[in-house]
Protein backbone atom coordinates (compact mmCIF):
# COMPACT_ATOMS: atom_id res chain seq x y z
CA UNK A 1 116.00 -111.15 79.62
CA UNK A 2 114.26 -110.14 82.83
CA UNK A 3 110.58 -111.09 82.81
CA UNK A 4 108.93 -113.61 80.55
CA UNK A 5 105.22 -113.71 79.85
CA UNK A 6 104.06 -117.19 78.88
CA UNK A 7 100.85 -117.58 76.93
CA UNK A 8 98.65 -120.57 76.25
CA UNK A 9 96.76 -119.30 73.21
CA UNK A 10 93.14 -120.19 72.60
CA UNK A 11 90.25 -118.79 70.63
CA UNK A 12 88.05 -118.44 73.74
CA UNK A 13 90.62 -117.65 76.42
CA UNK A 14 94.30 -117.01 77.09
CA UNK A 15 96.29 -118.60 79.88
CA UNK A 16 99.19 -116.60 81.33
CA UNK A 17 102.29 -117.50 83.33
CA UNK A 18 105.36 -115.71 84.58
CA UNK A 19 108.83 -117.02 83.87
CA UNK A 20 111.84 -115.90 85.90
CA UNK A 21 115.11 -116.57 84.04
CA UNK A 22 117.22 -115.92 87.16
CA UNK A 23 115.61 -118.76 89.10
CA UNK A 24 114.56 -120.82 86.09
CA UNK A 25 111.05 -121.15 87.53
CA UNK A 26 107.65 -120.53 85.95
CA UNK A 27 104.41 -119.90 87.86
CA UNK A 28 100.82 -119.68 86.62
CA UNK A 29 99.26 -116.22 86.64
CA UNK A 30 95.78 -115.91 85.25
CA UNK A 31 93.25 -116.97 82.62
CA UNK A 32 91.46 -114.28 80.63
CA UNK A 33 88.19 -115.03 78.87
CA UNK A 34 88.17 -113.24 75.51
CA UNK A 35 84.41 -112.83 74.84
CA UNK A 36 85.22 -111.25 71.47
CA UNK A 37 87.91 -108.94 72.85
CA UNK A 38 91.15 -108.37 70.94
CA UNK A 39 93.72 -110.80 72.34
CA UNK A 40 96.65 -108.75 71.01
CA UNK A 41 95.41 -105.64 72.83
CA UNK A 42 95.01 -107.62 76.07
CA UNK A 43 98.59 -108.92 75.90
CA UNK A 44 100.02 -105.54 74.83
CA UNK A 45 98.40 -103.93 77.86
CA UNK A 46 99.89 -106.61 80.16
CA UNK A 47 103.35 -106.20 78.64
CA UNK A 48 103.22 -102.43 79.13
CA UNK A 49 101.71 -102.50 82.63
CA UNK A 50 103.86 -105.29 84.07
CA UNK A 51 107.13 -104.72 82.23
CA UNK A 52 107.55 -108.01 80.41
CA UNK A 53 110.45 -107.99 78.02
CA UNK A 54 109.95 -111.41 76.40
CA UNK A 55 106.95 -113.50 75.38
CA UNK A 56 106.83 -117.28 75.06
CA UNK A 57 103.85 -118.60 73.16
CA UNK A 58 102.69 -122.19 72.95
CA UNK A 59 102.38 -123.47 69.41
CA UNK A 60 100.15 -126.46 68.68
CA UNK A 61 102.12 -128.69 66.34
CA UNK A 62 101.80 -132.42 65.79
CA UNK A 63 104.05 -134.93 67.57
CA UNK A 64 106.16 -134.91 64.40
CA UNK A 65 106.44 -131.11 64.51
CA UNK A 66 104.12 -130.58 61.55
CA UNK A 67 102.04 -127.43 61.24
CA UNK A 68 98.34 -127.47 62.13
CA UNK A 69 95.57 -124.93 61.48
CA UNK A 70 95.95 -123.76 65.10
CA UNK A 71 99.73 -123.39 64.78
CA UNK A 72 99.17 -121.11 61.80
CA UNK A 73 96.84 -118.96 63.94
CA UNK A 74 99.49 -118.87 66.69
CA UNK A 75 102.18 -117.77 64.23
CA UNK A 76 99.95 -114.90 63.07
CA UNK A 77 99.25 -114.01 66.72
CA UNK A 78 103.01 -114.00 67.42
CA UNK A 79 103.67 -111.63 64.50
CA UNK A 80 100.91 -109.31 65.68
CA UNK A 81 102.30 -109.37 69.25
CA UNK A 82 105.79 -108.46 68.01
CA UNK A 83 104.35 -105.51 66.08
CA UNK A 84 102.11 -104.32 68.92
CA UNK A 85 104.60 -104.67 71.77
CA UNK A 86 108.09 -104.47 70.26
CA UNK A 87 108.92 -107.49 72.42
CA UNK A 88 110.58 -110.63 71.13
CA UNK A 89 108.26 -113.65 70.89
CA UNK A 90 109.41 -117.27 70.90
CA UNK A 91 107.26 -120.25 70.00
CA UNK A 92 107.40 -123.49 71.99
CA UNK A 93 105.76 -126.69 70.77
CA UNK A 94 102.96 -127.34 73.25
CA UNK A 95 102.11 -130.79 71.92
CA UNK A 96 101.92 -132.43 75.36
CA UNK A 97 101.18 -129.32 77.44
CA UNK A 98 97.40 -129.69 77.59
CA UNK A 99 97.58 -133.27 78.80
CA UNK A 100 100.24 -132.42 81.40
CA UNK A 101 98.30 -129.38 82.66
CA UNK A 102 95.14 -131.51 82.95
CA UNK A 103 97.11 -134.00 85.06
CA UNK A 104 98.39 -131.19 87.31
CA UNK A 105 94.89 -129.75 87.66
CA UNK A 106 93.51 -133.17 88.61
CA UNK A 107 96.24 -133.60 91.21
CA UNK A 108 95.25 -130.21 92.64
CA UNK A 109 91.61 -131.32 92.85
CA UNK A 110 90.24 -129.55 89.78
CA UNK A 111 88.33 -131.37 87.07
CA UNK A 112 88.76 -128.72 84.39
CA UNK A 113 91.60 -127.72 82.08
CA UNK A 114 93.65 -124.85 83.49
CA UNK A 115 95.10 -122.60 80.79
CA UNK A 116 97.37 -120.83 83.30
CA UNK A 117 98.96 -124.19 84.19
CA UNK A 118 99.40 -124.88 80.48
CA UNK A 119 101.10 -121.49 80.08
CA UNK A 120 103.34 -122.31 83.05
CA UNK A 121 104.42 -125.56 81.39
CA UNK A 122 105.12 -123.72 78.12
CA UNK A 123 107.36 -121.20 79.90
CA UNK A 124 109.03 -123.91 81.97
CA UNK A 125 109.91 -125.81 78.78
CA UNK A 126 111.42 -122.60 77.38
CA UNK A 127 113.39 -121.97 80.57
CA UNK A 128 114.62 -125.58 80.77
CA UNK A 129 116.05 -125.27 77.26
CA UNK A 130 117.80 -121.95 77.92
CA UNK A 131 118.73 -121.63 81.58
């Protein structure tokens, strides 16, 4: 595994982060507003252009790990990403990610949710479990 693309999935925007397995560090990259665009096509283009060979996707489950309507959407998104990119996709429970990313954003002086920070936390969780 060389380059990991982390994604905080949303219906209005996607947050992206880069994970480096060698260093075990994740960094926020970007937030893309969807405005009706195909999210799978956006990610497939990134994977091809930037050479990602693994995708980590945040999955919104309950604190007990139960499925939610959003987690079902994420699982469908993950299947579509696998088909479109040929890249392996792992799901990470993002139950506390939004709250943690909001705290980080506040500490950095921002009053709004940062989806790229959420994606970074998703990838970092993945890296912490595997590196």
